[in-house]
């Protein structure tokens, strides 16, 4: 089953095939995603992603790396013909793959040893990398701690509950003090609980403007809980690198 990602800001490039699917290891993995591209010589395809606040395990034909989340748009230029298989990890899985403090990996990456790169290469060729990822990660499923599961729940609530606009509201929902939630989220994601909420709001805003560019900006800002349209526009531009109006204009041009 393919699942939708709000993080991909410009889906639909004909040269790039994207697929995402859950694999049943819910404490560890949100989904496995595969990107395959075949870009004619002399051209590149620009991909823009506002990442979910979590770590990604990314395997290409040569190596596997653990990528920390970013608080801005990640831009990649794709050329030639290749592929990557990514695993969007649940926050509770982070300590199982690195001894590095999560904050130190924010916006950067480190190599993952022991990844089945050759097996994944064969699986991509056969069209089913998810099964190989499941076999690789299944032995780790029982090692997620209670603290890790709590952060998993906090991240899920921050993403799904549009009425949660403050970190203290999120802490109350998961049943811990705000300082405890701050410590646990930073210890598993390297980010603040407030960013979990902000990321949801901005991903949603970008998706709305892409699919319905006639949406009124003042109404969208109010729906997302921003004080006013000016505040929404400032935050949107600071994180996505363009104004909501620019996103809307690009969507109209593409449509």
C-alpha atoms as a PDB file:
ATOM      1  CA  UNK A   1       0.000   0.000   0.000  1.00  0.00           C
ATOM      2  CA  UNK A   2       1.393   3.382  -0.993  1.00  0.00           C
ATOM      3  CA  UNK A   3       0.957   6.209   1.506  1.00  0.00           C
ATOM      4  CA  UNK A   4       1.005   9.938   0.904  1.00  0.00           C
ATOM      5  CA  UNK A   5       3.762  12.235   2.134  1.00  0.00           C
ATOM      6  CA  UNK A   6       3.121  15.927   2.704  1.00  0.00           C
ATOM      7  CA  UNK A   7       6.856  16.567   2.886  1.00  0.00           C
ATOM      8  CA  UNK A   8       7.500  16.387  -0.856  1.00  0.00           C
ATOM      9  CA  UNK A   9       6.830  19.918  -2.066  1.00  0.00           C
ATOM     10  CA  UNK A  10       6.973  19.392  -5.833  1.00  0.00           C
ATOM     11  CA  UNK A  11       5.790  15.876  -6.677  1.00  0.00           C
ATOM     12  CA  UNK A  12       4.925  14.864 -10.192  1.00  0.00           C
ATOM     13  CA  UNK A  13       8.210  15.140 -12.139  1.00  0.00           C
ATOM     14  CA  UNK A  14       7.868  12.577 -14.955  1.00  0.00           C
ATOM     15  CA  UNK A  15      11.524  11.568 -14.683  1.00  0.00           C
ATOM     16  CA  UNK A  16      11.177  10.582 -11.021  1.00  0.00           C
ATOM     17  CA  UNK A  17       9.149   7.647  -9.668  1.00  0.00           C
ATOM     18  CA  UNK A  18       8.350   7.782  -5.953  1.00  0.00           C
ATOM     19  CA  UNK A  19       6.780   5.044  -3.861  1.00  0.00           C
ATOM     20  CA  UNK A  20       6.100   4.804  -0.127  1.00  0.00           C
ATOM     21  CA  UNK A  21       4.777   1.865   1.874  1.00  0.00           C
ATOM     22  CA  UNK A  22       4.514   0.856   5.562  1.00  0.00           C
ATOM     23  CA  UNK A  23       6.174  -2.411   6.564  1.00  0.00           C
ATOM     24  CA  UNK A  24       4.443  -3.265   9.836  1.00  0.00           C
ATOM     25  CA  UNK A  25       7.251  -2.368  12.272  1.00  0.00           C
ATOM     26  CA  UNK A  26       5.273   0.502  13.730  1.00  0.00           C
ATOM     27  CA  UNK A  27       7.528   1.298  16.711  1.00  0.00           C
ATOM     28  CA  UNK A  28      10.530   1.545  14.395  1.00  0.00           C
ATOM     29  CA  UNK A  29       9.433   2.646  10.948  1.00  0.00           C
ATOM     30  CA  UNK A  30       6.835   4.979   9.560  1.00  0.00           C
ATOM     31  CA  UNK A  31       7.314   3.853   5.986  1.00  0.00           C
ATOM     32  CA  UNK A  32       9.861   2.793   3.388  1.00  0.00           C
ATOM     33  CA  UNK A  33      10.201   5.130   0.434  1.00  0.00           C
ATOM     34  CA  UNK A  34      11.882   4.460  -2.880  1.00  0.00           C
ATOM     35  CA  UNK A  35      12.930   7.041  -5.464  1.00  0.00           C
ATOM     36  CA  UNK A  36      14.007   6.026  -8.959  1.00  0.00           C
ATOM     37  CA  UNK A  37      14.985   8.568 -11.573  1.00  0.00           C
ATOM     38  CA  UNK A  38      16.050   8.570 -15.198  1.00  0.00           C
ATOM     39  CA  UNK A  39      16.973  12.073 -16.311  1.00  0.00           C
ATOM     40  CA  UNK A  40      18.179  12.697 -19.896  1.00  0.00           C
ATOM     41  CA  UNK A  41      21.815  13.799 -20.332  1.00  0.00           C
ATOM     42  CA  UNK A  42      22.408  17.493 -19.828  1.00  0.00           C
ATOM     43  CA  UNK A  43      19.366  17.955 -17.582  1.00  0.00           C
ATOM     44  CA  UNK A  44      18.682  17.875 -13.844  1.00  0.00           C
ATOM     45  CA  UNK A  45      15.464  17.565 -11.852  1.00  0.00           C
ATOM     46  CA  UNK A  46      15.146  19.677  -8.719  1.00  0.00           C
ATOM     47  CA  UNK A  47      13.384  18.036  -5.786  1.00  0.00           C
ATOM     48  CA  UNK A  48      12.276  20.064  -2.735  1.00  0.00           C
ATOM     49  CA  UNK A  49      11.337  18.388   0.556  1.00  0.00           C
ATOM     50  CA  UNK A  50      10.263  19.767   3.912  1.00  0.00           C
ATOM     51  CA  UNK A  51      11.265  16.757   5.943  1.00  0.00           C
ATOM     52  CA  UNK A  52       9.210  15.167   8.650  1.00  0.00           C
ATOM     53  CA  UNK A  53      10.819  15.728  12.084  1.00  0.00           C
ATOM     54  CA  UNK A  54      12.522  12.334  12.138  1.00  0.00           C
ATOM     55  CA  UNK A  55      15.608  10.510  10.918  1.00  0.00           C
ATOM     56  CA  UNK A  56      15.885   8.783   7.548  1.00  0.00           C
ATOM     57  CA  UNK A  57      18.005   5.743   6.732  1.00  0.00           C
ATOM     58  CA  UNK A  58      18.979   6.209   3.087  1.00  0.00           C
ATOM     59  CA  UNK A  59      20.621   3.528   0.944  1.00  0.00           C
ATOM     60  CA  UNK A  60      21.940   4.098  -2.575  1.00  0.00           C
ATOM     61  CA  UNK A  61      23.872   1.669  -4.814  1.00  0.00           C
ATOM     62  CA  UNK A  62      27.083   2.346  -2.851  1.00  0.00           C
ATOM     63  CA  UNK A  63      26.401   3.022   0.825  1.00  0.00           C
ATOM     64  CA  UNK A  64      23.851   3.600   3.588  1.00  0.00           C
ATOM     65  CA  UNK A  65      23.634   6.769   5.671  1.00  0.00           C
ATOM     66  CA  UNK A  66      21.564   8.056   8.574  1.00  0.00           C
ATOM     67  CA  UNK A  67      20.224  11.542   7.841  1.00  0.00           C
ATOM     68  CA  UNK A  68      19.129  13.899  10.583  1.00  0.00           C
ATOM     69  CA  UNK A  69      16.073  16.110  10.082  1.00  0.00           C
ATOM     70  CA  UNK A  70      16.251  19.655   8.776  1.00  0.00           C
ATOM     71  CA  UNK A  71      14.227  22.676   9.830  1.00  0.00           C
ATOM     72  CA  UNK A  72      14.262  24.076   6.316  1.00  0.00           C
ATOM     73  CA  UNK A  73      13.663  22.812   2.817  1.00  0.00           C
ATOM     74  CA  UNK A  74      16.100  20.171   1.534  1.00  0.00           C
ATOM     75  CA  UNK A  75      16.863  20.639  -2.176  1.00  0.00           C
ATOM     76  CA  UNK A  76      18.391  17.851  -4.261  1.00  0.00           C
ATOM     77  CA  UNK A  77      19.410  17.993  -7.928  1.00  0.00           C
ATOM     78  CA  UNK A  78      18.887  14.610  -9.593  1.00  0.00           C
ATOM     79  CA  UNK A  79      20.793  13.695 -12.737  1.00  0.00           C
ATOM     80  CA  UNK A  80      21.422  10.545 -14.752  1.00  0.00           C
ATOM     81  CA  UNK A  81      19.824   7.280 -13.739  1.00  0.00           C
ATOM     82  CA  UNK A  82      19.867   5.870 -10.202  1.00  0.00           C
ATOM     83  CA  UNK A  83      17.799   5.141  -7.104  1.00  0.00           C
ATOM     84  CA  UNK A  84      17.660   5.459  -3.340  1.00  0.00           C
ATOM     85  CA  UNK A  85      15.726   3.505  -0.735  1.00  0.00           C
ATOM     86  CA  UNK A  86      14.841   5.461   2.378  1.00  0.00           C
ATOM     87  CA  UNK A  87      13.390   4.409   5.711  1.00  0.00           C
ATOM     88  CA  UNK A  88      11.514   7.130   7.581  1.00  0.00           C
ATOM     89  CA  UNK A  89      12.221   6.123  11.168  1.00  0.00           C
ATOM     90  CA  UNK A  90      10.004   6.634  14.158  1.00  0.00           C
ATOM     91  CA  UNK A  91      11.769   8.817  16.757  1.00  0.00           C
ATOM     92  CA  UNK A  92      12.019   5.869  19.142  1.00  0.00           C
ATOM     93  CA  UNK A  93      14.310   4.096  16.670  1.00  0.00           C
ATOM     94  CA  UNK A  94      16.989   6.813  16.567  1.00  0.00           C
ATOM     95  CA  UNK A  95      19.160   5.556  19.487  1.00  0.00           C
ATOM     96  CA  UNK A  96      19.319   2.112  17.867  1.00  0.00           C
ATOM     97  CA  UNK A  97      21.257   3.448  14.878  1.00  0.00           C
ATOM     98  CA  UNK A  98      23.638   6.042  16.275  1.00  0.00           C
ATOM     99  CA  UNK A  99      25.524   6.996  19.420  1.00  0.00           C
ATOM    100  CA  UNK A 100      25.763  10.578  18.155  1.00  0.00           C
ATOM    101  CA  UNK A 101      23.538  13.130  19.873  1.00  0.00           C
ATOM    102  CA  UNK A 102      20.558  13.736  17.560  1.00  0.00           C
ATOM    103  CA  UNK A 103      21.067  17.510  17.628  1.00  0.00           C
ATOM    104  CA  UNK A 104      24.576  17.008  16.222  1.00  0.00           C
ATOM    105  CA  UNK A 105      23.110  15.204  13.196  1.00  0.00           C
ATOM    106  CA  UNK A 106      20.503  17.834  12.422  1.00  0.00           C
ATOM    107  CA  UNK A 107      20.875  18.692   8.747  1.00  0.00           C
ATOM    108  CA  UNK A 108      23.763  16.267   8.233  1.00  0.00           C
ATOM    109  CA  UNK A 109      24.406  12.512   7.975  1.00  0.00           C
ATOM    110  CA  UNK A 110      26.689   9.689   9.040  1.00  0.00           C
ATOM    111  CA  UNK A 111      27.408   6.276   7.561  1.00  0.00           C
ATOM    112  CA  UNK A 112      25.463   3.245   8.792  1.00  0.00           C
ATOM    113  CA  UNK A 113      27.543   0.089   8.987  1.00  0.00           C
ATOM    114  CA  UNK A 114      26.058  -3.328   8.409  1.00  0.00           C
ATOM    115  CA  UNK A 115      23.322  -2.193   6.040  1.00  0.00           C
ATOM    116  CA  UNK A 116      22.392  -4.767   3.358  1.00  0.00           C
ATOM    117  CA  UNK A 117      23.379  -2.545   0.428  1.00  0.00           C
ATOM    118  CA  UNK A 118      23.901  -5.404  -2.036  1.00  0.00           C
ATOM    119  CA  UNK A 119      20.635  -7.050  -1.036  1.00  0.00           C
ATOM    120  CA  UNK A 120      18.755  -3.783  -1.409  1.00  0.00           C
ATOM    121  CA  UNK A 121      20.289  -3.209  -4.835  1.00  0.00           C
ATOM    122  CA  UNK A 122      18.950  -6.577  -5.954  1.00  0.00           C
ATOM    123  CA  UNK A 123      15.595  -5.887  -4.309  1.00  0.00           C
ATOM    124  CA  UNK A 124      15.220  -2.554  -6.117  1.00  0.00           C
ATOM    125  CA  UNK A 125      15.902  -4.319  -9.400  1.00  0.00           C
ATOM    126  CA  UNK A 126      13.224  -6.877  -8.497  1.00  0.00           C
ATOM    127  CA  UNK A 127      10.787  -4.145  -7.462  1.00  0.00           C
ATOM    128  CA  UNK A 128      10.351  -5.039  -3.760  1.00  0.00           C
ATOM    129  CA  UNK A 129      12.887  -3.337  -1.456  1.00  0.00           C
ATOM    130  CA  UNK A 130      10.377  -3.128   1.420  1.00  0.00           C
ATOM    131  CA  UNK A 131      10.643  -6.841   2.195  1.00  0.00           C
ATOM    132  CA  UNK A 132      14.439  -6.585   2.443  1.00  0.00           C
ATOM    133  CA  UNK A 133      14.167  -3.577   4.762  1.00  0.00           C
ATOM    134  CA  UNK A 134      11.691  -5.465   6.952  1.00  0.00           C
ATOM    135  CA  UNK A 135      14.039  -8.455   7.277  1.00  0.00           C
ATOM    136  CA  UNK A 136      16.924  -6.128   8.125  1.00  0.00           C
ATOM    137  CA  UNK A 137      15.150  -4.122  10.817  1.00  0.00           C
ATOM    138  CA  UNK A 138      12.742  -6.631  12.387  1.00  0.00           C
ATOM    139  CA  UNK A 139      15.273  -7.853  15.017  1.00  0.00           C
ATOM    140  CA  UNK A 140      15.419  -4.296  16.422  1.00  0.00           C
ATOM    141  CA  UNK A 141      11.679  -3.926  17.014  1.00  0.00           C
ATOM    142  CA  UNK A 142      11.779  -5.158  20.625  1.00  0.00           C
ATOM    143  CA  UNK A 143      14.559  -2.738  21.565  1.00  0.00           C
ATOM    144  CA  UNK A 144      12.493   0.452  21.383  1.00  0.00           C
ATOM    145  CA  UNK A 145      12.193   1.836  24.936  1.00  0.00           C
ATOM    146  CA  UNK A 146       9.147   3.202  26.726  1.00  0.00           C
ATOM    147  CA  UNK A 147      10.638   6.672  26.373  1.00  0.00           C
ATOM    148  CA  UNK A 148      10.997   6.093  22.654  1.00  0.00           C
ATOM    149  CA  UNK A 149       7.360   5.034  22.378  1.00  0.00           C
ATOM    150  CA  UNK A 150       6.298   8.157  24.251  1.00  0.00           C
ATOM    151  CA  UNK A 151       8.160  10.346  21.751  1.00  0.00           C
ATOM    152  CA  UNK A 152       6.609   8.348  18.907  1.00  0.00           C
ATOM    153  CA  UNK A 153       3.188   9.173  20.351  1.00  0.00           C
ATOM    154  CA  UNK A 154       4.062  12.843  20.831  1.00  0.00           C
ATOM    155  CA  UNK A 155       5.189  13.144  17.223  1.00  0.00           C
ATOM    156  CA  UNK A 156       2.052  11.397  15.968  1.00  0.00           C
ATOM    157  CA  UNK A 157      -0.184  13.702  18.010  1.00  0.00           C
ATOM    158  CA  UNK A 158       1.686  16.829  16.941  1.00  0.00           C
ATOM    159  CA  UNK A 159       1.141  15.832  13.338  1.00  0.00           C
ATOM    160  CA  UNK A 160      -2.473  14.710  13.559  1.00  0.00           C
ATOM    161  CA  UNK A 161      -4.029  17.142  16.039  1.00  0.00           C
ATOM    162  CA  UNK A 162      -4.691  20.474  14.355  1.00  0.00           C
ATOM    163  CA  UNK A 163      -5.910  21.892  17.668  1.00  0.00           C
ATOM    164  CA  UNK A 164      -2.475  21.477  19.274  1.00  0.00           C
ATOM    165  CA  UNK A 165      -0.627  24.767  18.798  1.00  0.00           C
ATOM    166  CA  UNK A 166       1.678  24.883  21.842  1.00  0.00           C
ATOM    167  CA  UNK A 167       4.257  22.557  23.352  1.00  0.00           C
ATOM    168  CA  UNK A 168       2.530  22.542  26.744  1.00  0.00           C
ATOM    169  CA  UNK A 169      -0.685  21.279  25.100  1.00  0.00           C
ATOM    170  CA  UNK A 170       1.289  18.433  23.548  1.00  0.00           C
ATOM    171  CA  UNK A 171       2.927  17.592  26.883  1.00  0.00           C
ATOM    172  CA  UNK A 172      -0.472  17.424  28.547  1.00  0.00           C
ATOM    173  CA  UNK A 173      -1.766  15.029  25.882  1.00  0.00           C
ATOM    174  CA  UNK A 174       1.102  12.574  26.417  1.00  0.00           C
ATOM    175  CA  UNK A 175       0.955  12.949  30.204  1.00  0.00           C
ATOM    176  CA  UNK A 176       4.344  14.440  31.040  1.00  0.00           C
ATOM    177  CA  UNK A 177       5.681  17.811  32.157  1.00  0.00           C
ATOM    178  CA  UNK A 178       6.697  20.223  29.359  1.00  0.00           C
ATOM    179  CA  UNK A 179      10.363  20.043  30.411  1.00  0.00           C
ATOM    180  CA  UNK A 180      10.263  16.238  30.303  1.00  0.00           C
ATOM    181  CA  UNK A 181       8.775  16.278  26.825  1.00  0.00           C
ATOM    182  CA  UNK A 182      11.391  18.791  25.694  1.00  0.00           C
ATOM    183  CA  UNK A 183      14.210  16.577  26.979  1.00  0.00           C
ATOM    184  CA  UNK A 184      12.804  13.394  25.443  1.00  0.00           C
ATOM    185  CA  UNK A 185      12.054  14.919  22.049  1.00  0.00           C
ATOM    186  CA  UNK A 186      15.486  16.544  21.853  1.00  0.00           C
ATOM    187  CA  UNK A 187      17.057  13.229  22.909  1.00  0.00           C
ATOM    188  CA  UNK A 188      15.360  11.295  20.091  1.00  0.00           C
ATOM    189  CA  UNK A 189      14.907  13.856  17.307  1.00  0.00           C
ATOM    190  CA  UNK A 190      17.315  16.699  18.078  1.00  0.00           C
ATOM    191  CA  UNK A 191      14.483  19.218  17.724  1.00  0.00           C
ATOM    192  CA  UNK A 192      11.950  20.879  20.015  1.00  0.00           C
ATOM    193  CA  UNK A 193       8.335  19.836  20.572  1.00  0.00           C
ATOM    194  CA  UNK A 194       7.312  23.189  19.112  1.00  0.00           C
ATOM    195  CA  UNK A 195       8.987  22.299  15.822  1.00  0.00           C
ATOM    196  CA  UNK A 196       6.902  19.112  15.633  1.00  0.00           C
ATOM    197  CA  UNK A 197       3.840  21.347  15.599  1.00  0.00           C
ATOM    198  CA  UNK A 198       5.291  23.980  13.277  1.00  0.00           C
ATOM    199  CA  UNK A 199       6.396  21.373  10.749  1.00  0.00           C
ATOM    200  CA  UNK A 200       2.858  19.983  10.568  1.00  0.00           C
ATOM    201  CA  UNK A 201       1.392  23.419  10.000  1.00  0.00           C
ATOM    202  CA  UNK A 202       3.825  24.389   7.252  1.00  0.00           C
ATOM    203  CA  UNK A 203       3.650  21.032   5.461  1.00  0.00           C
ATOM    204  CA  UNK A 204      -0.139  21.343   5.482  1.00  0.00           C
ATOM    205  CA  UNK A 205       0.015  24.917   4.214  1.00  0.00           C
ATOM    206  CA  UNK A 206       2.304  23.966   1.326  1.00  0.00           C
ATOM    207  CA  UNK A 207       0.086  21.026   0.379  1.00  0.00           C
ATOM    208  CA  UNK A 208      -3.050  23.204   0.387  1.00  0.00           C
ATOM    209  CA  UNK A 209      -1.456  25.918  -1.736  1.00  0.00           C
ATOM    210  CA  UNK A 210      -0.115  23.348  -4.184  1.00  0.00           C
ATOM    211  CA  UNK A 211      -3.421  21.529  -4.654  1.00  0.00           C
ATOM    212  CA  UNK A 212      -5.771  24.512  -4.289  1.00  0.00           C
ATOM    213  CA  UNK A 213      -3.839  27.672  -5.213  1.00  0.00           C
ATOM    214  CA  UNK A 214      -6.960  29.849  -4.956  1.00  0.00           C
ATOM    215  CA  UNK A 215      -7.087  29.331  -1.184  1.00  0.00           C
ATOM    216  CA  UNK A 216      -7.274  32.632   0.676  1.00  0.00           C
ATOM    217  CA  UNK A 217      -4.061  33.202   2.620  1.00  0.00           C
ATOM    218  CA  UNK A 218      -5.750  34.988   5.517  1.00  0.00           C
ATOM    219  CA  UNK A 219      -8.176  32.108   5.975  1.00  0.00           C
ATOM    220  CA  UNK A 220      -5.417  29.519   5.732  1.00  0.00           C
ATOM    221  CA  UNK A 221      -3.342  31.370   8.336  1.00  0.00           C
ATOM    222  CA  UNK A 222      -6.319  31.470  10.690  1.00  0.00           C
ATOM    223  CA  UNK A 223      -7.113  27.791  10.141  1.00  0.00           C
ATOM    224  CA  UNK A 224      -3.529  26.897  11.068  1.00  0.00           C
ATOM    225  CA  UNK A 225      -3.594  28.968  14.247  1.00  0.00           C
ATOM    226  CA  UNK A 226      -1.274  31.810  13.230  1.00  0.00           C
ATOM    227  CA  UNK A 227      -1.948  35.199  14.779  1.00  0.00           C
ATOM    228  CA  UNK A 228      -2.368  36.820  11.382  1.00  0.00           C
ATOM    229  CA  UNK A 229      -1.423  36.466   7.727  1.00  0.00           C
ATOM    230  CA  UNK A 230       1.800  38.462   8.170  1.00  0.00           C
ATOM    231  CA  UNK A 231       3.085  36.079  10.864  1.00  0.00           C
ATOM    232  CA  UNK A 232       2.164  33.068   8.725  1.00  0.00           C
ATOM    233  CA  UNK A 233       3.958  34.540   5.703  1.00  0.00           C
ATOM    234  CA  UNK A 234       7.118  35.263   7.719  1.00  0.00           C
ATOM    235  CA  UNK A 235       7.303  31.720   9.103  1.00  0.00           C
ATOM    236  CA  UNK A 236       6.498  30.154   5.736  1.00  0.00           C
ATOM    237  CA  UNK A 237       9.207  32.133   3.960  1.00  0.00           C
ATOM    238  CA  UNK A 238      11.768  31.505   6.726  1.00  0.00           C
ATOM    239  CA  UNK A 239      11.338  27.719   6.485  1.00  0.00           C
ATOM    240  CA  UNK A 240      10.348  27.068   2.865  1.00  0.00           C
ATOM    241  CA  UNK A 241      12.494  29.766   1.285  1.00  0.00           C
ATOM    242  CA  UNK A 242       9.618  31.367  -0.616  1.00  0.00           C
ATOM    243  CA  UNK A 243       6.392  33.179   0.179  1.00  0.00           C
ATOM    244  CA  UNK A 244       2.986  31.478   0.173  1.00  0.00           C
ATOM    245  CA  UNK A 245       2.184  33.622  -2.851  1.00  0.00           C
ATOM    246  CA  UNK A 246       5.162  32.191  -4.733  1.00  0.00           C
ATOM    247  CA  UNK A 247       4.033  28.637  -3.955  1.00  0.00           C
ATOM    248  CA  UNK A 248       0.559  29.500  -5.172  1.00  0.00           C
ATOM    249  CA  UNK A 249       1.897  31.085  -8.366  1.00  0.00           C
ATOM    250  CA  UNK A 250       4.055  28.027  -9.130  1.00  0.00           C
ATOM    251  CA  UNK A 251       1.061  25.726  -8.599  1.00  0.00           C
ATOM    252  CA  UNK A 252      -1.047  27.766 -11.005  1.00  0.00           C
ATOM    253  CA  UNK A 253       1.708  27.676 -13.617  1.00  0.00           C
ATOM    254  CA  UNK A 254       2.104  23.917 -13.259  1.00  0.00           C
ATOM    255  CA  UNK A 255      -1.655  23.320 -13.439  1.00  0.00           C
END
